[in-house]
N, C-alpha and C. Protein backbone atom coordinates (compact mmCIF):
# COMPACT_ATOMS: atom_id res chain seq x y z
N MET A 1 75.39 73.09 87.10
CA MET A 1 76.53 72.21 87.13
C MET A 1 77.21 72.23 88.49
N ASP A 2 77.27 73.42 89.11
CA ASP A 2 77.88 73.55 90.42
C ASP A 2 77.13 72.71 91.46
N PHE A 3 75.79 72.69 91.34
CA PHE A 3 74.98 71.89 92.25
C PHE A 3 75.33 70.40 92.13
N LEU A 4 75.47 69.92 90.89
CA LEU A 4 75.80 68.51 90.67
C LEU A 4 77.20 68.17 91.17
N THR A 5 78.14 69.10 90.98
CA THR A 5 79.51 68.88 91.48
C THR A 5 79.50 68.74 92.99
N ARG A 6 78.79 69.65 93.66
CA ARG A 6 78.72 69.57 95.12
C ARG A 6 78.01 68.29 95.57
N LEU A 7 76.93 67.94 94.88
CA LEU A 7 76.16 66.75 95.24
C LEU A 7 76.97 65.48 95.08
N PHE A 8 77.54 65.26 93.90
CA PHE A 8 78.17 63.98 93.60
C PHE A 8 79.65 63.90 93.97
N LEU A 9 80.34 65.05 94.09
CA LEU A 9 81.79 64.99 94.30
C LEU A 9 82.29 65.61 95.60
N GLU A 10 81.50 66.47 96.26
CA GLU A 10 82.05 67.21 97.39
C GLU A 10 81.34 67.02 98.73
N SER A 11 80.08 66.68 98.73
CA SER A 11 79.34 66.65 99.98
C SER A 11 78.80 65.26 100.30
N PRO A 12 79.42 64.56 101.26
CA PRO A 12 78.89 63.26 101.66
C PRO A 12 77.47 63.33 102.22
N ILE A 13 77.15 64.42 102.89
CA ILE A 13 75.80 64.57 103.47
C ILE A 13 74.76 64.67 102.35
N ARG A 14 75.03 65.52 101.36
CA ARG A 14 74.09 65.66 100.24
C ARG A 14 73.97 64.35 99.46
N LEU A 15 75.10 63.67 99.26
CA LEU A 15 75.06 62.40 98.55
C LEU A 15 74.30 61.35 99.36
N GLY A 16 74.43 61.39 100.67
CA GLY A 16 73.68 60.47 101.53
C GLY A 16 72.18 60.69 101.42
N ILE A 17 71.77 61.95 101.41
CA ILE A 17 70.34 62.27 101.26
C ILE A 17 69.84 61.83 99.89
N PHE A 18 70.64 62.13 98.85
CA PHE A 18 70.28 61.70 97.49
C PHE A 18 70.14 60.18 97.43
N SER A 19 71.08 59.46 98.04
CA SER A 19 71.06 57.99 98.02
C SER A 19 69.82 57.45 98.72
N PHE A 20 69.48 58.05 99.86
CA PHE A 20 68.28 57.64 100.58
C PHE A 20 67.03 57.85 99.72
N LEU A 21 66.95 59.02 99.08
CA LEU A 21 65.79 59.31 98.22
C LEU A 21 65.74 58.38 97.01
N LEU A 22 66.91 58.10 96.40
CA LEU A 22 66.97 57.19 95.26
C LEU A 22 66.49 55.80 95.66
N LEU A 23 66.98 55.30 96.79
CA LEU A 23 66.58 53.98 97.26
C LEU A 23 65.08 53.95 97.57
N SER A 24 64.57 55.01 98.17
CA SER A 24 63.14 55.08 98.49
C SER A 24 62.29 55.05 97.22
N VAL A 25 62.69 55.82 96.21
CA VAL A 25 61.94 55.85 94.95
C VAL A 25 61.96 54.48 94.29
N VAL A 26 63.13 53.84 94.27
CA VAL A 26 63.23 52.51 93.66
C VAL A 26 62.32 51.53 94.37
N LEU A 27 62.30 51.56 95.70
CA LEU A 27 61.44 50.64 96.46
C LEU A 27 59.96 50.94 96.22
N LEU A 28 59.62 52.22 96.06
CA LEU A 28 58.22 52.59 95.83
C LEU A 28 57.72 52.20 94.45
N ILE A 29 58.55 52.37 93.42
CA ILE A 29 58.07 52.11 92.06
C ILE A 29 58.40 50.70 91.58
N ARG A 30 59.08 49.94 92.36
CA ARG A 30 59.50 48.60 91.94
C ARG A 30 58.33 47.71 91.52
N GLY A 31 57.24 47.80 92.23
CA GLY A 31 56.07 46.99 91.90
C GLY A 31 55.41 47.37 90.59
N ARG A 32 55.66 48.57 90.09
CA ARG A 32 55.06 49.04 88.85
C ARG A 32 55.94 48.77 87.62
N LEU A 33 57.14 48.31 87.84
CA LEU A 33 58.07 48.05 86.74
C LEU A 33 57.83 46.69 86.14
N SER A 34 58.38 46.48 84.94
CA SER A 34 58.30 45.16 84.33
C SER A 34 59.05 44.17 85.22
N GLU A 35 58.80 42.88 85.01
CA GLU A 35 59.40 41.86 85.87
C GLU A 35 60.93 41.93 85.84
N LYS A 36 61.48 42.08 84.65
CA LYS A 36 62.95 42.14 84.52
C LYS A 36 63.51 43.40 85.19
N ALA A 37 62.88 44.56 84.96
CA ALA A 37 63.33 45.82 85.56
C ALA A 37 63.19 45.77 87.08
N ALA A 38 62.09 45.17 87.57
CA ALA A 38 61.88 45.07 89.01
C ALA A 38 62.94 44.18 89.65
N ARG A 39 63.32 43.11 88.96
CA ARG A 39 64.32 42.18 89.49
C ARG A 39 65.69 42.85 89.62
N TRP A 40 66.04 43.72 88.66
CA TRP A 40 67.37 44.32 88.65
C TRP A 40 67.45 45.70 89.29
N SER A 41 66.32 46.35 89.54
CA SER A 41 66.34 47.73 90.05
C SER A 41 67.00 47.84 91.43
N LEU A 42 66.65 46.95 92.35
CA LEU A 42 67.21 47.03 93.70
C LEU A 42 68.70 46.67 93.72
N PRO A 43 69.13 45.55 93.12
CA PRO A 43 70.58 45.27 93.12
C PRO A 43 71.39 46.36 92.43
N PHE A 44 70.86 46.89 91.31
CA PHE A 44 71.57 47.97 90.61
C PHE A 44 71.72 49.19 91.52
N THR A 45 70.66 49.55 92.21
CA THR A 45 70.70 50.71 93.11
C THR A 45 71.67 50.47 94.25
N LEU A 46 71.68 49.25 94.78
CA LEU A 46 72.57 48.92 95.90
C LEU A 46 74.05 48.86 95.46
N ILE A 47 74.29 48.69 94.19
CA ILE A 47 75.66 48.76 93.66
C ILE A 47 76.02 50.21 93.33
N LEU A 48 75.04 50.95 92.78
CA LEU A 48 75.27 52.33 92.37
C LEU A 48 75.63 53.24 93.55
N ILE A 49 74.93 53.09 94.67
CA ILE A 49 75.14 53.98 95.80
C ILE A 49 76.58 53.90 96.34
N PRO A 50 77.11 52.70 96.64
CA PRO A 50 78.52 52.68 97.08
C PRO A 50 79.49 53.16 96.00
N ALA A 51 79.16 52.93 94.73
CA ALA A 51 80.02 53.41 93.64
C ALA A 51 80.07 54.94 93.64
N LEU A 52 78.93 55.59 93.89
CA LEU A 52 78.91 57.05 93.96
C LEU A 52 79.76 57.57 95.11
N PHE A 53 79.65 56.91 96.27
CA PHE A 53 80.48 57.31 97.42
C PHE A 53 81.96 57.06 97.13
N GLY A 54 82.27 55.96 96.46
CA GLY A 54 83.66 55.68 96.08
C GLY A 54 84.21 56.73 95.14
N MET A 55 83.39 57.12 94.16
CA MET A 55 83.81 58.15 93.22
C MET A 55 84.04 59.47 93.95
N GLN A 56 83.16 59.80 94.89
CA GLN A 56 83.30 61.04 95.65
C GLN A 56 84.59 61.03 96.47
N HIS A 57 84.94 59.88 96.99
CA HIS A 57 86.16 59.76 97.80
C HIS A 57 87.41 59.89 96.93
N ILE A 58 87.38 59.37 95.73
CA ILE A 58 88.55 59.35 94.85
C ILE A 58 88.77 60.70 94.16
N VAL A 59 87.71 61.31 93.66
CA VAL A 59 87.83 62.55 92.89
C VAL A 59 87.97 63.74 93.83
N VAL A 60 89.01 64.53 93.61
CA VAL A 60 89.24 65.75 94.40
C VAL A 60 89.03 66.94 93.46
N THR A 61 88.05 67.76 93.77
CA THR A 61 87.75 68.92 92.93
C THR A 61 88.69 70.08 93.28
N GLN A 62 88.71 71.09 92.42
CA GLN A 62 89.53 72.27 92.68
C GLN A 62 89.08 72.97 93.96
N ARG A 63 87.77 73.02 94.19
CA ARG A 63 87.25 73.64 95.40
C ARG A 63 87.76 72.89 96.64
N GLU A 64 87.79 71.56 96.57
CA GLU A 64 88.31 70.78 97.70
C GLU A 64 89.80 71.01 97.90
N GLU A 65 90.55 71.18 96.80
CA GLU A 65 91.98 71.48 96.91
C GLU A 65 92.19 72.81 97.62
N ILE A 66 91.41 73.82 97.23
CA ILE A 66 91.52 75.14 97.85
C ILE A 66 91.17 75.06 99.33
N CYS A 67 90.09 74.38 99.67
CA CYS A 67 89.68 74.26 101.07
C CYS A 67 90.72 73.50 101.89
N SER A 68 91.37 72.53 101.28
CA SER A 68 92.43 71.79 101.97
C SER A 68 93.63 72.70 102.24
N GLU A 69 93.99 73.52 101.26
CA GLU A 69 95.09 74.48 101.45
C GLU A 69 94.72 75.49 102.54
N LEU A 70 93.46 75.92 102.56
CA LEU A 70 93.01 76.86 103.60
C LEU A 70 93.14 76.23 104.98
N ARG A 71 92.73 74.97 105.12
CA ARG A 71 92.87 74.29 106.42
C ARG A 71 94.33 74.19 106.84
N SER A 72 95.22 73.94 105.89
CA SER A 72 96.65 73.89 106.20
C SER A 72 97.15 75.26 106.66
N PHE A 73 96.69 76.31 105.99
CA PHE A 73 97.08 77.67 106.36
C PHE A 73 96.59 78.00 107.78
N ILE A 74 95.35 77.69 108.06
CA ILE A 74 94.79 77.97 109.39
C ILE A 74 95.51 77.16 110.46
N SER A 75 95.79 75.92 110.18
CA SER A 75 96.52 75.08 111.12
C SER A 75 97.91 75.65 111.40
N ALA A 76 98.58 76.17 110.36
CA ALA A 76 99.89 76.78 110.54
C ALA A 76 99.81 78.06 111.37
N ILE A 77 98.75 78.85 111.17
CA ILE A 77 98.56 80.06 111.98
C ILE A 77 98.34 79.67 113.44
N GLU A 78 97.50 78.65 113.67
CA GLU A 78 97.24 78.23 115.05
C GLU A 78 98.49 77.69 115.74
N SER A 79 99.33 76.99 114.99
CA SER A 79 100.55 76.42 115.59
C SER A 79 101.75 77.38 115.51
N ARG A 80 101.53 78.55 114.90
CA ARG A 80 102.56 79.57 114.74
C ARG A 80 103.79 79.05 114.00
N THR A 81 103.54 78.24 112.98
CA THR A 81 104.61 77.64 112.19
C THR A 81 104.80 78.47 110.93
N SER A 82 105.77 79.38 110.97
CA SER A 82 105.94 80.32 109.86
C SER A 82 106.29 79.61 108.56
N GLN A 83 107.05 78.55 108.63
CA GLN A 83 107.41 77.82 107.41
C GLN A 83 106.16 77.25 106.75
N ALA A 84 105.22 76.76 107.57
CA ALA A 84 104.00 76.16 107.02
C ALA A 84 103.08 77.21 106.41
N PHE A 85 102.86 78.34 107.10
CA PHE A 85 101.95 79.33 106.50
C PHE A 85 102.61 80.07 105.35
N SER A 86 103.93 80.16 105.34
CA SER A 86 104.58 80.80 104.19
C SER A 86 104.46 79.94 102.93
N ALA A 87 104.34 78.62 103.11
CA ALA A 87 104.21 77.72 101.95
C ALA A 87 102.89 77.93 101.23
N THR A 88 101.89 78.46 101.92
CA THR A 88 100.58 78.66 101.31
C THR A 88 100.49 80.00 100.57
N LEU A 89 101.37 80.93 100.89
CA LEU A 89 101.35 82.23 100.22
C LEU A 89 102.14 82.16 98.92
N SER A 90 101.58 82.71 97.88
CA SER A 90 102.22 82.71 96.56
C SER A 90 103.38 83.70 96.52
N ASP A 91 104.36 83.41 95.70
CA ASP A 91 105.43 84.37 95.44
C ASP A 91 104.86 85.60 94.75
N ASN A 92 103.69 85.47 94.13
CA ASN A 92 103.02 86.58 93.45
C ASN A 92 102.03 87.32 94.35
N TYR A 93 102.13 87.10 95.68
CA TYR A 93 101.20 87.76 96.60
C TYR A 93 101.29 89.27 96.40
N ASP A 94 100.13 89.90 96.24
CA ASP A 94 100.07 91.35 96.05
C ASP A 94 98.71 91.82 96.50
N ASN A 95 98.66 92.43 97.67
CA ASN A 95 97.38 92.88 98.22
C ASN A 95 97.63 94.04 99.17
N GLU A 96 96.88 95.11 99.02
CA GLU A 96 96.97 96.29 99.89
C GLU A 96 98.40 96.83 99.96
N GLY A 97 99.11 96.77 98.85
CA GLY A 97 100.47 97.28 98.82
C GLY A 97 101.50 96.37 99.47
N MET A 98 101.09 95.17 99.85
CA MET A 98 102.02 94.23 100.47
C MET A 98 102.35 93.10 99.51
N ASN A 99 103.64 92.78 99.43
CA ASN A 99 104.05 91.60 98.67
C ASN A 99 104.14 90.42 99.65
N ARG A 100 104.65 89.31 99.19
CA ARG A 100 104.71 88.10 100.02
C ARG A 100 105.54 88.34 101.29
N GLY A 101 106.69 88.95 101.15
CA GLY A 101 107.56 89.20 102.30
C GLY A 101 106.89 90.09 103.34
N ALA A 102 106.24 91.15 102.88
CA ALA A 102 105.56 92.07 103.80
C ALA A 102 104.41 91.36 104.52
N MET A 103 103.68 90.52 103.80
CA MET A 103 102.57 89.80 104.43
C MET A 103 103.09 88.80 105.45
N LEU A 104 104.18 88.10 105.13
CA LEU A 104 104.77 87.17 106.10
C LEU A 104 105.24 87.92 107.34
N ASP A 105 105.84 89.09 107.17
CA ASP A 105 106.26 89.90 108.32
C ASP A 105 105.05 90.34 109.14
N TYR A 106 103.97 90.72 108.46
CA TYR A 106 102.75 91.16 109.13
C TYR A 106 102.18 90.02 109.99
N ILE A 107 102.07 88.84 109.39
CA ILE A 107 101.51 87.69 110.12
C ILE A 107 102.41 87.33 111.30
N SER A 108 103.72 87.25 111.06
CA SER A 108 104.66 86.88 112.13
C SER A 108 104.60 87.88 113.28
N ALA A 109 104.54 89.18 112.95
CA ALA A 109 104.48 90.20 114.00
C ALA A 109 103.20 90.07 114.82
N ARG A 110 102.09 89.79 114.15
CA ARG A 110 100.82 89.63 114.88
C ARG A 110 100.84 88.41 115.78
N LEU A 111 101.46 87.33 115.31
CA LEU A 111 101.48 86.09 116.08
C LEU A 111 102.45 86.14 117.25
N GLU A 112 103.34 87.14 117.30
CA GLU A 112 104.23 87.29 118.45
C GLU A 112 103.45 87.70 119.69
N SER A 113 102.38 88.48 119.51
CA SER A 113 101.62 88.96 120.66
C SER A 113 100.27 88.26 120.83
N MET A 114 99.87 87.46 119.87
CA MET A 114 98.56 86.82 120.00
C MET A 114 98.64 85.34 119.63
N ARG A 115 97.69 84.63 120.18
CA ARG A 115 97.55 83.21 119.87
C ARG A 115 96.14 83.00 119.33
N VAL A 116 96.04 82.34 118.19
CA VAL A 116 94.75 82.05 117.55
C VAL A 116 94.53 80.55 117.66
N TYR A 117 93.36 80.15 118.15
CA TYR A 117 93.06 78.73 118.28
C TYR A 117 91.56 78.48 118.20
N ASP A 118 91.21 77.21 118.16
CA ASP A 118 89.80 76.79 118.09
C ASP A 118 89.07 77.45 116.92
N THR A 119 89.71 77.43 115.76
CA THR A 119 89.15 78.05 114.56
C THR A 119 88.08 77.16 113.94
N ARG A 120 86.96 77.76 113.59
CA ARG A 120 85.85 77.04 112.95
C ARG A 120 85.40 77.82 111.71
N ILE A 121 85.40 77.14 110.59
CA ILE A 121 84.90 77.73 109.34
C ILE A 121 83.42 77.42 109.25
N THR A 122 82.61 78.47 109.12
CA THR A 122 81.17 78.24 109.04
C THR A 122 80.63 78.43 107.63
N ASN A 123 81.38 79.11 106.79
CA ASN A 123 80.94 79.30 105.41
C ASN A 123 82.16 79.57 104.55
N ASP A 124 82.31 78.82 103.47
CA ASP A 124 83.43 79.04 102.57
C ASP A 124 82.95 78.93 101.12
N ASP A 125 82.52 80.04 100.60
CA ASP A 125 82.01 80.11 99.24
C ASP A 125 83.19 80.37 98.30
N VAL A 126 83.41 79.47 97.34
CA VAL A 126 84.55 79.58 96.43
C VAL A 126 84.04 79.75 95.00
N GLU A 127 84.53 80.80 94.34
CA GLU A 127 84.23 81.05 92.93
C GLU A 127 85.52 80.82 92.14
N ILE A 128 85.53 79.83 91.25
CA ILE A 128 86.73 79.49 90.48
C ILE A 128 86.54 79.96 89.05
N SER A 129 87.56 80.63 88.53
CA SER A 129 87.55 81.09 87.15
C SER A 129 88.93 80.81 86.55
N GLY A 130 89.05 79.67 85.88
CA GLY A 130 90.33 79.28 85.29
C GLY A 130 91.36 78.98 86.36
N ASP A 131 92.47 79.73 86.33
CA ASP A 131 93.54 79.54 87.31
C ASP A 131 93.45 80.49 88.48
N ALA A 132 92.33 81.18 88.62
CA ALA A 132 92.12 82.12 89.72
C ALA A 132 90.86 81.73 90.47
N ALA A 133 90.83 82.06 91.74
CA ALA A 133 89.64 81.77 92.56
C ALA A 133 89.51 82.83 93.63
N GLU A 134 88.27 83.08 94.03
CA GLU A 134 87.99 83.98 95.15
C GLU A 134 87.16 83.23 96.16
N MET A 135 87.52 83.40 97.42
CA MET A 135 86.83 82.72 98.51
C MET A 135 86.27 83.77 99.45
N ASP A 136 84.99 83.66 99.73
CA ASP A 136 84.36 84.49 100.75
C ASP A 136 84.21 83.59 101.95
N LEU A 137 84.85 83.94 103.04
CA LEU A 137 85.02 83.03 104.17
C LEU A 137 84.45 83.64 105.44
N LEU A 138 83.63 82.89 106.14
CA LEU A 138 83.14 83.28 107.46
C LEU A 138 83.77 82.32 108.45
N VAL A 139 84.52 82.87 109.40
CA VAL A 139 85.29 82.03 110.32
C VAL A 139 85.20 82.59 111.73
N ALA A 140 85.17 81.68 112.70
CA ALA A 140 85.19 82.06 114.11
C ALA A 140 86.45 81.48 114.73
N ALA A 141 87.09 82.25 115.61
CA ALA A 141 88.31 81.78 116.27
C ALA A 141 88.43 82.43 117.63
N THR A 142 89.14 81.77 118.52
CA THR A 142 89.46 82.34 119.81
C THR A 142 90.83 82.97 119.71
N VAL A 143 90.93 84.22 120.20
CA VAL A 143 92.19 84.96 120.12
C VAL A 143 92.60 85.37 121.52
N SER A 144 93.82 84.99 121.90
CA SER A 144 94.39 85.35 123.19
C SER A 144 95.50 86.36 122.96
N ILE A 145 95.45 87.49 123.66
CA ILE A 145 96.45 88.54 123.52
C ILE A 145 97.39 88.50 124.72
N GLN A 146 98.68 88.46 124.44
CA GLN A 146 99.72 88.46 125.47
C GLN A 146 99.48 87.38 126.53
N GLY A 147 98.99 86.22 126.11
CA GLY A 147 98.79 85.09 127.02
C GLY A 147 97.55 85.20 127.90
N GLY A 148 96.71 86.19 127.66
CA GLY A 148 95.50 86.37 128.46
C GLY A 148 94.41 85.38 128.07
N ILE A 149 93.29 85.53 128.70
CA ILE A 149 92.13 84.69 128.40
C ILE A 149 91.66 85.02 126.99
N GLY A 150 91.39 84.00 126.22
CA GLY A 150 90.98 84.20 124.84
C GLY A 150 89.56 84.69 124.70
N ASP A 151 89.33 85.52 123.70
CA ASP A 151 88.00 86.01 123.35
C ASP A 151 87.63 85.44 121.99
N ARG A 152 86.36 85.12 121.83
CA ARG A 152 85.86 84.58 120.57
C ARG A 152 85.58 85.72 119.61
N HIS A 153 86.08 85.61 118.38
CA HIS A 153 85.85 86.62 117.35
C HIS A 153 85.31 85.93 116.10
N ILE A 154 84.42 86.62 115.41
CA ILE A 154 83.86 86.12 114.16
C ILE A 154 84.22 87.11 113.07
N GLY A 155 84.74 86.60 111.98
CA GLY A 155 85.15 87.49 110.90
C GLY A 155 84.78 86.96 109.53
N ARG A 156 84.58 87.90 108.62
CA ARG A 156 84.36 87.56 107.21
C ARG A 156 85.59 88.05 106.46
N TRP A 157 86.14 87.16 105.64
CA TRP A 157 87.38 87.44 104.91
C TRP A 157 87.18 87.14 103.43
N ARG A 158 87.93 87.86 102.60
CA ARG A 158 87.98 87.57 101.16
C ARG A 158 89.41 87.13 100.88
N ILE A 159 89.56 85.92 100.32
CA ILE A 159 90.87 85.39 99.99
C ILE A 159 90.92 85.10 98.50
N ARG A 160 91.95 85.64 97.84
CA ARG A 160 92.15 85.40 96.42
C ARG A 160 93.21 84.31 96.26
N TRP A 161 92.95 83.39 95.35
CA TRP A 161 93.84 82.25 95.11
C TRP A 161 94.30 82.23 93.67
N GLN A 162 95.44 81.59 93.45
CA GLN A 162 95.96 81.40 92.10
C GLN A 162 96.52 79.98 92.03
N ARG A 163 96.17 79.29 90.93
CA ARG A 163 96.71 77.94 90.75
C ARG A 163 98.11 78.05 90.15
N GLU A 164 99.05 77.43 90.83
CA GLU A 164 100.45 77.42 90.41
C GLU A 164 100.85 75.97 90.17
N PRO A 165 102.03 75.73 89.60
CA PRO A 165 102.43 74.34 89.31
C PRO A 165 102.40 73.41 90.53
N ASP A 166 102.64 73.96 91.72
CA ASP A 166 102.63 73.11 92.92
C ASP A 166 101.33 73.22 93.72
N GLY A 167 100.27 73.73 93.10
CA GLY A 167 98.96 73.76 93.76
C GLY A 167 98.43 75.18 93.90
N TRP A 168 97.30 75.30 94.62
CA TRP A 168 96.65 76.58 94.83
C TRP A 168 97.38 77.36 95.91
N LYS A 169 97.64 78.64 95.66
CA LYS A 169 98.34 79.52 96.59
C LYS A 169 97.55 80.80 96.79
N ILE A 170 97.71 81.40 97.96
CA ILE A 170 97.02 82.65 98.29
C ILE A 170 97.77 83.82 97.68
N VAL A 171 97.02 84.69 96.97
CA VAL A 171 97.62 85.89 96.39
C VAL A 171 97.04 87.17 97.00
N GLY A 172 96.06 87.03 97.88
CA GLY A 172 95.49 88.20 98.54
C GLY A 172 94.58 87.82 99.68
N ILE A 173 94.72 88.50 100.82
CA ILE A 173 93.86 88.28 101.99
C ILE A 173 93.34 89.64 102.43
N SER A 174 92.02 89.77 102.51
CA SER A 174 91.42 91.04 102.93
C SER A 174 90.30 90.78 103.93
N PRO A 175 90.32 91.46 105.06
CA PRO A 175 89.19 91.34 106.00
C PRO A 175 87.99 92.13 105.47
N ARG A 176 86.81 91.65 105.74
CA ARG A 176 85.58 92.36 105.37
C ARG A 176 84.80 92.81 106.60
N MET A 177 84.83 91.99 107.64
CA MET A 177 84.07 92.30 108.86
C MET A 177 84.69 91.51 110.01
N ILE A 178 84.84 92.15 111.15
CA ILE A 178 85.27 91.47 112.37
C ILE A 178 84.28 91.86 113.46
N ASP A 179 83.65 90.87 114.06
CA ASP A 179 82.69 91.10 115.15
C ASP A 179 81.66 92.18 114.81
N MET A 180 81.09 92.06 113.62
CA MET A 180 80.03 92.95 113.13
C MET A 180 80.52 94.37 112.83
N VAL A 181 81.82 94.59 112.80
CA VAL A 181 82.39 95.88 112.43
C VAL A 181 82.96 95.75 111.02
N GLN A 182 82.52 96.61 110.11
CA GLN A 182 83.02 96.57 108.74
C GLN A 182 84.49 96.98 108.73
N ILE A 183 85.31 96.17 108.06
CA ILE A 183 86.74 96.43 107.96
C ILE A 183 87.09 96.44 106.48
N GLY A 184 87.84 97.44 106.04
CA GLY A 184 88.18 97.54 104.63
C GLY A 184 89.57 97.07 104.28
N SER A 185 90.45 96.97 105.29
CA SER A 185 91.83 96.57 105.00
C SER A 185 92.49 96.00 106.25
N LEU A 186 93.65 95.39 106.05
CA LEU A 186 94.41 94.86 107.17
C LEU A 186 94.89 95.99 108.08
N ARG A 187 95.14 97.17 107.53
CA ARG A 187 95.57 98.31 108.34
C ARG A 187 94.47 98.71 109.33
N GLU A 188 93.21 98.69 108.88
CA GLU A 188 92.09 99.00 109.75
C GLU A 188 91.92 97.94 110.84
N LEU A 189 92.31 96.73 110.53
CA LEU A 189 92.17 95.63 111.49
C LEU A 189 92.97 95.87 112.75
N ARG A 190 94.10 96.57 112.66
CA ARG A 190 94.94 96.84 113.83
C ARG A 190 94.18 97.62 114.89
N GLY A 191 93.25 98.48 114.49
CA GLY A 191 92.47 99.25 115.45
C GLY A 191 91.36 98.47 116.12
N VAL A 192 90.98 97.33 115.55
CA VAL A 192 89.88 96.54 116.09
C VAL A 192 90.38 95.40 116.95
N VAL A 193 91.37 94.68 116.46
CA VAL A 193 91.97 93.57 117.20
C VAL A 193 93.40 93.96 117.49
N PRO A 194 93.79 94.01 118.78
CA PRO A 194 95.17 94.45 119.13
C PRO A 194 96.24 93.61 118.48
C-alpha cells in the first residue's frame, strides 16, 4: 500500500514513469483489442494520465504534511527565526531530558555562534503510526562558525512527530551520525560541531 501511495499521491517522477509505461502498453496492445476497445483505449488513457496528476496535486498525504513542516523548520533554522522554528516544536516536546523550552534555548544558543545554510535533504524515510510518526533523515548543510568560512557537514537524524489539532509537530530530535561519526545525543554533538 505504501508503494501505491508514493506512486499515485506523492512522487511526480514515479507517476511520470508509470504514465509513460501505461501509454506505451496501450499503444502496443491497441491492435490486438476489439474494435470498440481499440477506439477508446487511447483517449481514455490520455484522459486518465492528467487526471492522475491532478489527483496527486490535490491530495496531500500525512507524509507530505510532515515533510512540509520539516522544510519550514529547516528554513526557520537557516534564517534564524526563532518564532518560526518554535512553531514547529510541540508543547509536548520531550527528548533527552529536554522539554520544549530547553530545546528552544539549545537551538537559539547554537544559532548565536553558527549559521546553517544550503541545506539539502537526501533521504527522508517516514514511518507513520496513527497520530505519531518517526522520520529517519539524512541531510547535508553548510555550517559557518563565528562568521568564518562554512564547512559542509552530513548528518543522520531521527525526528519524532505527533499530530496535533493544528498539524504535525516535532516531539523529539536526536542526532545519529555527523560526518561519519556516531552520535548518541545532542550533548555528544557539542564535542563534534562547535
